[in-house]
N, C-alpha and C. Protein backbone atom coordinates (compact mmCIF):
# COMPACT_ATOMS: atom_id res chain seq x y z
N MET A 1 75.45 58.06 -61.47
CA MET A 1 74.95 58.29 -60.13
C MET A 1 75.90 59.20 -59.36
N ILE A 2 77.21 58.95 -59.51
CA ILE A 2 78.18 59.75 -58.77
C ILE A 2 78.16 61.19 -59.27
N ASP A 3 78.03 61.43 -60.59
CA ASP A 3 77.94 62.79 -61.10
C ASP A 3 76.74 63.52 -60.51
N TRP A 4 75.66 62.81 -60.41
CA TRP A 4 74.45 63.40 -59.84
C TRP A 4 74.67 63.82 -58.38
N LEU A 5 75.35 62.99 -57.58
CA LEU A 5 75.63 63.31 -56.18
C LEU A 5 76.57 64.51 -56.07
N HIS A 6 77.58 64.57 -56.95
CA HIS A 6 78.49 65.70 -56.95
C HIS A 6 77.75 67.00 -57.25
N LYS A 7 76.85 66.94 -58.25
CA LYS A 7 76.08 68.13 -58.59
C LYS A 7 75.18 68.55 -57.43
N LEU A 8 74.55 67.59 -56.79
CA LEU A 8 73.68 67.88 -55.65
C LEU A 8 74.48 68.47 -54.49
N ALA A 9 75.64 67.89 -54.23
CA ALA A 9 76.49 68.38 -53.15
C ALA A 9 76.97 69.79 -53.44
N SER A 10 77.37 70.08 -54.67
CA SER A 10 77.86 71.42 -54.99
C SER A 10 76.75 72.45 -54.89
N VAL A 11 75.53 72.09 -55.27
CA VAL A 11 74.39 73.00 -55.13
C VAL A 11 74.14 73.26 -53.64
N GLY A 12 74.23 72.21 -52.84
CA GLY A 12 74.04 72.36 -51.39
C GLY A 12 75.09 73.27 -50.79
N VAL A 13 76.34 73.13 -51.19
CA VAL A 13 77.42 73.97 -50.67
C VAL A 13 77.20 75.40 -51.09
N LEU A 14 76.83 75.60 -52.36
CA LEU A 14 76.56 76.96 -52.82
C LEU A 14 75.38 77.56 -52.07
N SER A 15 74.36 76.76 -51.79
CA SER A 15 73.21 77.27 -51.06
C SER A 15 73.61 77.70 -49.65
N LEU A 16 74.47 76.89 -49.00
CA LEU A 16 74.93 77.25 -47.66
C LEU A 16 75.76 78.52 -47.68
N ALA A 17 76.57 78.69 -48.73
CA ALA A 17 77.41 79.87 -48.81
C ALA A 17 76.57 81.14 -48.94
N ALA A 18 75.38 81.01 -49.47
CA ALA A 18 74.52 82.17 -49.67
C ALA A 18 73.77 82.56 -48.38
N LEU A 19 73.79 81.70 -47.37
CA LEU A 19 73.10 82.02 -46.12
C LEU A 19 73.81 83.17 -45.41
N PRO A 20 73.06 84.02 -44.76
CA PRO A 20 73.70 85.13 -44.04
C PRO A 20 74.49 84.61 -42.84
N VAL A 21 75.64 85.21 -42.62
CA VAL A 21 76.48 84.86 -41.47
C VAL A 21 76.06 85.76 -40.32
N PRO A 22 75.76 85.15 -39.16
CA PRO A 22 75.35 86.00 -38.04
C PRO A 22 76.46 86.97 -37.66
N ALA A 23 76.09 88.20 -37.37
CA ALA A 23 77.07 89.22 -36.98
C ALA A 23 77.60 88.91 -35.59
N ARG A 24 78.89 89.17 -35.39
CA ARG A 24 79.47 89.02 -34.06
C ARG A 24 78.91 90.10 -33.16
N ALA A 25 78.66 89.72 -31.94
CA ALA A 25 78.17 90.71 -30.98
C ALA A 25 79.26 91.75 -30.77
N VAL A 26 78.89 92.99 -30.91
CA VAL A 26 79.83 94.08 -30.73
C VAL A 26 79.63 94.66 -29.35
N GLU A 27 80.73 94.75 -28.59
CA GLU A 27 80.68 95.34 -27.25
C GLU A 27 80.37 96.82 -27.39
N PRO A 28 79.34 97.32 -26.69
CA PRO A 28 79.06 98.76 -26.77
C PRO A 28 80.24 99.54 -26.21
N PRO A 29 80.40 100.79 -26.61
CA PRO A 29 81.50 101.60 -26.06
C PRO A 29 81.39 101.67 -24.54
N LEU A 30 82.52 101.70 -23.91
CA LEU A 30 82.54 101.74 -22.45
C LEU A 30 82.11 103.11 -21.95
N SER A 31 81.13 103.11 -21.08
CA SER A 31 80.74 104.31 -20.33
C SER A 31 80.98 104.00 -18.87
N LEU A 32 81.76 104.82 -18.22
CA LEU A 32 82.06 104.59 -16.81
C LEU A 32 80.92 105.00 -15.90
N VAL A 33 80.04 105.87 -16.37
CA VAL A 33 78.98 106.42 -15.53
C VAL A 33 78.07 105.30 -15.02
N GLY A 34 77.88 105.29 -13.71
CA GLY A 34 76.98 104.31 -13.12
C GLY A 34 77.57 103.69 -11.88
N THR A 35 76.96 102.59 -11.48
CA THR A 35 77.38 101.86 -10.29
C THR A 35 77.96 100.52 -10.71
N TRP A 36 79.13 100.22 -10.18
CA TRP A 36 79.86 98.99 -10.49
C TRP A 36 80.06 98.21 -9.20
N ILE A 37 79.95 96.89 -9.29
CA ILE A 37 80.27 96.05 -8.14
C ILE A 37 81.50 95.23 -8.48
N MET A 38 82.28 94.93 -7.46
CA MET A 38 83.50 94.18 -7.68
C MET A 38 83.15 92.74 -7.96
N ASP A 39 83.67 92.22 -9.05
CA ASP A 39 83.48 90.83 -9.42
C ASP A 39 84.56 89.98 -8.78
N SER A 40 85.81 90.44 -8.86
CA SER A 40 86.93 89.72 -8.26
C SER A 40 88.16 90.62 -8.22
N ALA A 41 89.18 90.14 -7.51
CA ALA A 41 90.43 90.88 -7.39
C ALA A 41 91.54 89.89 -7.08
N TYR A 42 92.73 90.20 -7.57
CA TYR A 42 93.89 89.37 -7.27
C TYR A 42 95.14 90.20 -7.53
N GLU A 43 96.27 89.68 -7.06
CA GLU A 43 97.55 90.35 -7.25
C GLU A 43 98.55 89.35 -7.81
N ILE A 44 99.49 89.86 -8.59
CA ILE A 44 100.62 89.08 -9.08
C ILE A 44 101.87 89.70 -8.48
N ARG A 45 102.56 88.93 -7.64
CA ARG A 45 103.79 89.43 -7.02
C ARG A 45 104.92 89.47 -8.04
N ALA A 46 105.99 90.16 -7.68
CA ALA A 46 107.15 90.29 -8.57
C ALA A 46 107.70 88.93 -8.98
N ASP A 47 107.56 87.90 -8.13
CA ASP A 47 108.07 86.56 -8.46
C ASP A 47 107.09 85.73 -9.28
N GLY A 48 105.92 86.34 -9.64
CA GLY A 48 104.92 85.65 -10.46
C GLY A 48 103.85 84.93 -9.67
N THR A 49 103.95 84.90 -8.36
CA THR A 49 102.97 84.24 -7.51
C THR A 49 101.66 85.01 -7.51
N ARG A 50 100.54 84.28 -7.60
CA ARG A 50 99.21 84.89 -7.55
C ARG A 50 98.68 84.83 -6.13
N VAL A 51 98.26 85.98 -5.59
CA VAL A 51 97.72 86.07 -4.24
C VAL A 51 96.45 86.91 -4.26
N THR A 52 95.75 86.95 -3.13
CA THR A 52 94.52 87.74 -3.03
C THR A 52 94.49 88.47 -1.69
N ALA A 53 94.92 89.70 -1.68
CA ALA A 53 94.94 90.51 -0.45
C ALA A 53 93.53 90.76 0.09
N TYR A 54 92.55 90.85 -0.81
CA TYR A 54 91.18 91.11 -0.38
C TYR A 54 90.29 89.89 -0.52
N GLY A 55 90.87 88.74 -0.87
CA GLY A 55 90.09 87.55 -1.17
C GLY A 55 89.68 87.57 -2.63
N GLU A 56 89.34 86.42 -3.17
CA GLU A 56 88.98 86.32 -4.59
C GLU A 56 87.79 87.21 -4.95
N HIS A 57 86.80 87.28 -4.08
CA HIS A 57 85.57 88.03 -4.38
C HIS A 57 85.25 88.98 -3.23
N PRO A 58 86.03 90.07 -3.11
CA PRO A 58 85.78 91.03 -2.02
C PRO A 58 84.51 91.83 -2.26
N ASN A 59 84.08 92.51 -1.22
CA ASN A 59 82.98 93.46 -1.35
C ASN A 59 83.57 94.74 -1.93
N GLY A 60 83.04 95.17 -3.05
CA GLY A 60 83.54 96.40 -3.66
C GLY A 60 82.44 97.16 -4.36
N LEU A 61 82.54 98.46 -4.30
CA LEU A 61 81.56 99.34 -4.93
C LEU A 61 82.30 100.52 -5.54
N LEU A 62 82.01 100.80 -6.79
CA LEU A 62 82.58 101.93 -7.51
C LEU A 62 81.41 102.69 -8.13
N MET A 63 81.29 103.96 -7.79
CA MET A 63 80.21 104.78 -8.33
C MET A 63 80.84 105.98 -9.03
N ILE A 64 80.37 106.25 -10.27
CA ILE A 64 80.90 107.34 -11.08
C ILE A 64 79.73 108.14 -11.64
N ASP A 65 79.77 109.45 -11.44
CA ASP A 65 78.68 110.28 -11.95
C ASP A 65 79.04 110.85 -13.34
N ALA A 66 78.12 111.56 -13.94
CA ALA A 66 78.28 112.08 -15.30
C ALA A 66 79.41 113.11 -15.42
N GLN A 67 79.83 113.71 -14.31
CA GLN A 67 80.92 114.68 -14.34
C GLN A 67 82.28 114.02 -14.04
N GLY A 68 82.29 112.71 -13.86
CA GLY A 68 83.54 111.99 -13.62
C GLY A 68 83.95 111.91 -12.16
N ARG A 69 83.09 112.36 -11.25
CA ARG A 69 83.41 112.20 -9.83
C ARG A 69 83.15 110.75 -9.46
N TYR A 70 84.06 110.18 -8.67
CA TYR A 70 83.92 108.77 -8.32
C TYR A 70 84.16 108.57 -6.82
N THR A 71 83.66 107.46 -6.33
CA THR A 71 83.98 106.95 -5.01
C THR A 71 84.15 105.44 -5.15
N LEU A 72 85.17 104.91 -4.51
CA LEU A 72 85.52 103.50 -4.65
C LEU A 72 85.83 102.93 -3.27
N GLN A 73 85.26 101.76 -2.97
CA GLN A 73 85.53 101.07 -1.72
C GLN A 73 85.72 99.58 -2.02
N ILE A 74 86.75 98.99 -1.41
CA ILE A 74 86.99 97.55 -1.50
C ILE A 74 87.24 97.05 -0.08
N PHE A 75 86.55 95.96 0.29
CA PHE A 75 86.71 95.38 1.62
C PHE A 75 86.86 93.86 1.53
N ARG A 76 87.88 93.35 2.20
CA ARG A 76 88.05 91.90 2.28
C ARG A 76 86.92 91.35 3.14
N ILE A 77 86.30 90.28 2.70
CA ILE A 77 85.26 89.61 3.47
C ILE A 77 85.91 88.91 4.66
N GLY A 78 85.30 89.01 5.82
CA GLY A 78 85.78 88.30 7.00
C GLY A 78 86.86 89.02 7.78
N ARG A 79 86.96 90.33 7.62
CA ARG A 79 87.94 91.07 8.43
C ARG A 79 87.60 90.89 9.91
N ALA A 80 88.64 90.83 10.73
CA ALA A 80 88.44 90.67 12.18
C ALA A 80 87.77 91.91 12.77
N THR A 81 86.91 91.69 13.71
CA THR A 81 86.30 92.81 14.43
C THR A 81 87.20 93.17 15.61
N PHE A 82 87.02 94.37 16.14
CA PHE A 82 87.80 94.83 17.29
C PHE A 82 87.20 94.19 18.55
N ALA A 83 88.02 93.57 19.35
CA ALA A 83 87.56 92.85 20.54
C ALA A 83 86.83 93.78 21.50
N THR A 84 87.31 95.01 21.63
CA THR A 84 86.68 95.96 22.57
C THR A 84 85.39 96.55 22.02
N GLY A 85 85.22 96.45 20.70
CA GLY A 85 84.07 97.10 20.08
C GLY A 85 84.25 98.60 19.96
N ASP A 86 85.43 99.09 20.31
CA ASP A 86 85.73 100.52 20.30
C ASP A 86 86.88 100.77 19.32
N LYS A 87 86.60 101.51 18.28
CA LYS A 87 87.60 101.79 17.24
C LYS A 87 88.83 102.49 17.78
N THR A 88 88.69 103.25 18.84
CA THR A 88 89.82 104.00 19.40
C THR A 88 90.69 103.16 20.34
N ARG A 89 90.27 101.94 20.66
CA ARG A 89 91.04 101.10 21.59
C ARG A 89 91.40 99.75 20.98
N GLY A 90 91.68 99.75 19.69
CA GLY A 90 92.04 98.51 19.03
C GLY A 90 93.47 98.08 19.32
N GLN A 91 93.75 96.82 19.07
CA GLN A 91 95.09 96.26 19.20
C GLN A 91 95.82 96.44 17.87
N PRO A 92 97.16 96.43 17.89
CA PRO A 92 97.92 96.61 16.64
C PRO A 92 97.50 95.66 15.52
N ASP A 93 97.24 94.40 15.83
CA ASP A 93 96.84 93.45 14.78
C ASP A 93 95.44 93.77 14.24
N GLU A 94 94.57 94.33 15.09
CA GLU A 94 93.24 94.72 14.64
C GLU A 94 93.33 95.91 13.69
N TYR A 95 94.16 96.90 14.05
CA TYR A 95 94.35 98.05 13.17
C TYR A 95 94.97 97.63 11.85
N ARG A 96 95.94 96.74 11.91
CA ARG A 96 96.61 96.25 10.69
C ARG A 96 95.60 95.56 9.77
N ASP A 97 94.80 94.66 10.33
CA ASP A 97 93.81 93.93 9.52
C ASP A 97 92.77 94.88 8.93
N ALA A 98 92.34 95.86 9.72
CA ALA A 98 91.36 96.83 9.22
C ALA A 98 91.94 97.65 8.08
N SER A 99 93.21 98.05 8.23
CA SER A 99 93.85 98.88 7.21
C SER A 99 94.16 98.09 5.94
N LEU A 100 94.79 96.93 6.09
CA LEU A 100 95.18 96.14 4.92
C LEU A 100 94.01 95.41 4.27
N GLY A 101 92.91 95.30 4.98
CA GLY A 101 91.73 94.62 4.43
C GLY A 101 90.76 95.55 3.74
N SER A 102 91.18 96.77 3.48
CA SER A 102 90.28 97.71 2.81
C SER A 102 91.08 98.71 1.98
N SER A 103 90.42 99.24 0.97
CA SER A 103 90.99 100.30 0.15
C SER A 103 89.84 101.20 -0.27
N THR A 104 89.97 102.47 0.04
CA THR A 104 88.94 103.43 -0.35
C THR A 104 89.60 104.69 -0.88
N HIS A 105 88.98 105.28 -1.87
CA HIS A 105 89.42 106.59 -2.35
C HIS A 105 88.32 107.23 -3.17
N PHE A 106 88.42 108.55 -3.33
CA PHE A 106 87.46 109.27 -4.18
C PHE A 106 88.15 110.43 -4.85
N GLY A 107 87.51 110.94 -5.88
CA GLY A 107 88.05 112.06 -6.63
C GLY A 107 87.39 112.15 -7.99
N ARG A 108 88.21 112.26 -9.03
CA ARG A 108 87.71 112.32 -10.42
C ARG A 108 88.40 111.26 -11.24
N VAL A 109 87.68 110.71 -12.21
CA VAL A 109 88.25 109.70 -13.09
C VAL A 109 87.91 110.05 -14.53
N GLN A 110 88.86 109.79 -15.43
CA GLN A 110 88.67 110.00 -16.87
C GLN A 110 89.02 108.71 -17.59
N LEU A 111 88.39 108.52 -18.72
CA LEU A 111 88.65 107.36 -19.57
C LEU A 111 89.45 107.83 -20.78
N ASP A 112 90.59 107.23 -21.01
CA ASP A 112 91.37 107.48 -22.22
C ASP A 112 91.29 106.20 -23.06
N ALA A 113 90.25 106.14 -23.91
CA ALA A 113 89.98 104.93 -24.69
C ALA A 113 91.11 104.62 -25.67
N GLU A 114 91.73 105.65 -26.21
CA GLU A 114 92.82 105.44 -27.18
C GLU A 114 94.00 104.72 -26.53
N LYS A 115 94.36 105.12 -25.32
CA LYS A 115 95.48 104.50 -24.61
C LYS A 115 95.04 103.31 -23.77
N GLN A 116 93.70 103.07 -23.69
CA GLN A 116 93.15 102.02 -22.84
C GLN A 116 93.58 102.22 -21.38
N GLN A 117 93.36 103.46 -20.90
CA GLN A 117 93.74 103.80 -19.54
C GLN A 117 92.63 104.55 -18.82
N LEU A 118 92.54 104.28 -17.53
CA LEU A 118 91.71 105.07 -16.63
C LEU A 118 92.66 105.99 -15.87
N VAL A 119 92.27 107.23 -15.72
CA VAL A 119 93.11 108.20 -15.03
C VAL A 119 92.33 108.68 -13.81
N PHE A 120 92.79 108.27 -12.63
CA PHE A 120 92.17 108.65 -11.37
C PHE A 120 92.95 109.83 -10.78
N ASP A 121 92.26 110.93 -10.52
CA ASP A 121 92.84 112.03 -9.76
C ASP A 121 92.26 111.90 -8.36
N VAL A 122 93.08 111.37 -7.47
CA VAL A 122 92.64 111.00 -6.12
C VAL A 122 92.64 112.24 -5.22
N GLU A 123 91.49 112.53 -4.64
CA GLU A 123 91.38 113.64 -3.70
C GLU A 123 91.67 113.18 -2.28
N ALA A 124 91.10 112.05 -1.89
CA ALA A 124 91.33 111.49 -0.55
C ALA A 124 91.32 109.97 -0.67
N ALA A 125 92.12 109.32 0.22
CA ALA A 125 92.25 107.86 0.14
C ALA A 125 92.59 107.29 1.51
N SER A 126 92.21 106.03 1.71
CA SER A 126 92.58 105.36 2.95
C SER A 126 94.09 105.16 3.02
N PHE A 127 94.76 105.12 1.87
CA PHE A 127 96.22 105.11 1.83
C PHE A 127 96.65 106.54 1.54
N PRO A 128 97.09 107.28 2.56
CA PRO A 128 97.32 108.72 2.41
C PRO A 128 98.35 109.09 1.34
N ASN A 129 99.24 108.20 0.99
CA ASN A 129 100.25 108.49 -0.03
C ASN A 129 99.64 108.76 -1.40
N TRP A 130 98.40 108.32 -1.62
CA TRP A 130 97.74 108.54 -2.91
C TRP A 130 97.02 109.88 -2.98
N GLU A 131 96.81 110.53 -1.85
CA GLU A 131 96.01 111.77 -1.84
C GLU A 131 96.68 112.86 -2.65
N GLY A 132 95.87 113.50 -3.50
CA GLY A 132 96.37 114.57 -4.36
C GLY A 132 97.22 114.07 -5.52
N LYS A 133 97.24 112.78 -5.74
CA LYS A 133 98.07 112.19 -6.80
C LYS A 133 97.20 111.68 -7.95
N ARG A 134 97.83 111.57 -9.11
CA ARG A 134 97.19 110.98 -10.28
C ARG A 134 97.60 109.52 -10.34
N GLN A 135 96.63 108.65 -10.49
CA GLN A 135 96.86 107.21 -10.60
C GLN A 135 96.35 106.76 -11.97
N VAL A 136 97.24 106.19 -12.78
CA VAL A 136 96.88 105.74 -14.12
C VAL A 136 96.79 104.22 -14.12
N ARG A 137 95.71 103.69 -14.66
CA ARG A 137 95.46 102.25 -14.69
C ARG A 137 95.19 101.79 -16.12
N ASP A 138 95.96 100.82 -16.60
CA ASP A 138 95.63 100.19 -17.88
C ASP A 138 94.37 99.37 -17.67
N TYR A 139 93.48 99.38 -18.68
CA TYR A 139 92.24 98.62 -18.53
C TYR A 139 91.90 97.87 -19.82
N ARG A 140 90.98 96.93 -19.65
CA ARG A 140 90.32 96.31 -20.79
C ARG A 140 88.85 96.11 -20.40
N TYR A 141 88.00 96.11 -21.40
CA TYR A 141 86.57 95.95 -21.18
C TYR A 141 86.08 94.86 -22.11
N GLU A 142 85.74 93.70 -21.54
CA GLU A 142 85.30 92.56 -22.33
C GLU A 142 84.17 91.84 -21.61
N ASN A 143 83.16 91.43 -22.37
CA ASN A 143 82.05 90.65 -21.83
C ASN A 143 81.42 91.31 -20.60
N GLY A 144 81.32 92.63 -20.64
CA GLY A 144 80.68 93.37 -19.56
C GLY A 144 81.53 93.52 -18.31
N LEU A 145 82.80 93.12 -18.38
CA LEU A 145 83.69 93.24 -17.22
C LEU A 145 84.77 94.29 -17.50
N LEU A 146 84.93 95.19 -16.57
CA LEU A 146 85.99 96.19 -16.62
C LEU A 146 87.12 95.69 -15.72
N THR A 147 88.27 95.44 -16.33
CA THR A 147 89.44 94.97 -15.58
C THR A 147 90.52 96.02 -15.70
N TYR A 148 91.03 96.46 -14.55
CA TYR A 148 92.17 97.37 -14.61
C TYR A 148 93.26 96.89 -13.67
N SER A 149 94.47 97.31 -13.98
CA SER A 149 95.61 96.90 -13.16
C SER A 149 96.22 98.10 -12.46
N VAL A 150 96.60 97.86 -11.21
CA VAL A 150 97.32 98.85 -10.42
C VAL A 150 98.79 98.51 -10.58
N PRO A 151 99.58 99.40 -11.18
CA PRO A 151 100.97 99.04 -11.49
C PRO A 151 101.82 98.79 -10.25
N ALA A 152 102.89 98.04 -10.46
CA ALA A 152 103.80 97.68 -9.37
C ALA A 152 104.35 98.91 -8.66
N SER A 153 104.50 100.00 -9.38
CA SER A 153 105.05 101.22 -8.76
C SER A 153 104.12 101.76 -7.68
N ALA A 154 102.81 101.51 -7.80
CA ALA A 154 101.86 102.00 -6.80
C ALA A 154 101.95 101.19 -5.50
N SER A 155 102.29 99.90 -5.61
CA SER A 155 102.37 99.06 -4.41
C SER A 155 103.68 99.28 -3.68
N GLY A 156 104.72 99.63 -4.41
CA GLY A 156 106.03 99.82 -3.80
C GLY A 156 106.80 98.53 -3.58
N ASN A 157 106.17 97.38 -3.83
CA ASN A 157 106.87 96.12 -3.59
C ASN A 157 106.90 95.20 -4.82
N GLY A 158 106.56 95.76 -5.98
CA GLY A 158 106.62 94.97 -7.20
C GLY A 158 105.36 94.19 -7.52
N THR A 159 104.33 94.31 -6.70
CA THR A 159 103.08 93.58 -6.91
C THR A 159 102.16 94.38 -7.84
N VAL A 160 101.56 93.69 -8.81
CA VAL A 160 100.56 94.30 -9.70
C VAL A 160 99.20 93.76 -9.27
N ALA A 161 98.29 94.66 -8.95
CA ALA A 161 96.95 94.27 -8.50
C ALA A 161 95.96 94.42 -9.66
N TYR A 162 95.00 93.50 -9.72
CA TYR A 162 93.96 93.53 -10.75
C TYR A 162 92.60 93.61 -10.07
N SER A 163 91.78 94.56 -10.53
CA SER A 163 90.42 94.73 -10.04
C SER A 163 89.47 94.51 -11.20
N ILE A 164 88.47 93.67 -10.98
CA ILE A 164 87.49 93.34 -12.02
C ILE A 164 86.12 93.78 -11.53
N TRP A 165 85.47 94.63 -12.33
CA TRP A 165 84.20 95.23 -11.96
C TRP A 165 83.12 94.90 -12.98
N ARG A 166 81.88 94.80 -12.50
CA ARG A 166 80.70 94.54 -13.34
C ARG A 166 79.69 95.65 -13.06
N LYS A 167 79.20 96.26 -14.15
CA LYS A 167 78.24 97.36 -14.00
C LYS A 167 76.88 96.82 -13.64
N LEU A 168 76.24 97.49 -12.68
CA LEU A 168 74.86 97.12 -12.28
C LEU A 168 73.87 97.66 -13.29
């Protein structure tokens, strides 16, 4: 009886081994062209602390055309409004919140898949120090999410920022 069970079990194992193994889903090659919405954002300070300058899920839009021209906007949700309702008569704290609660720039972007880098040639930016400069971002693309990091050298204070985008 035991020999019979062993033979049956071995046939069953061999039969299972012959079944096709489902192929792993392969991520299609990354194409930057299109409209992306911000999924989340966070920063890691030099001391390792995790913070969110724009909040965990800011409003963000990144649009890239077939020629590599891009426009990018990020806004913290809940920024304070100007009490006067007049942009030219704001208080210092209102200007500070408006400035630090947003990041915008446009120009051209290239994908260097071999180095896993995005190369932004910034034409104009809400942070004027970036204008006319090349900004290189390490990226990864997994599960439909494009994540790139803004190096500590760009912040000037040792903070590395991470932006996570989802294509529409």
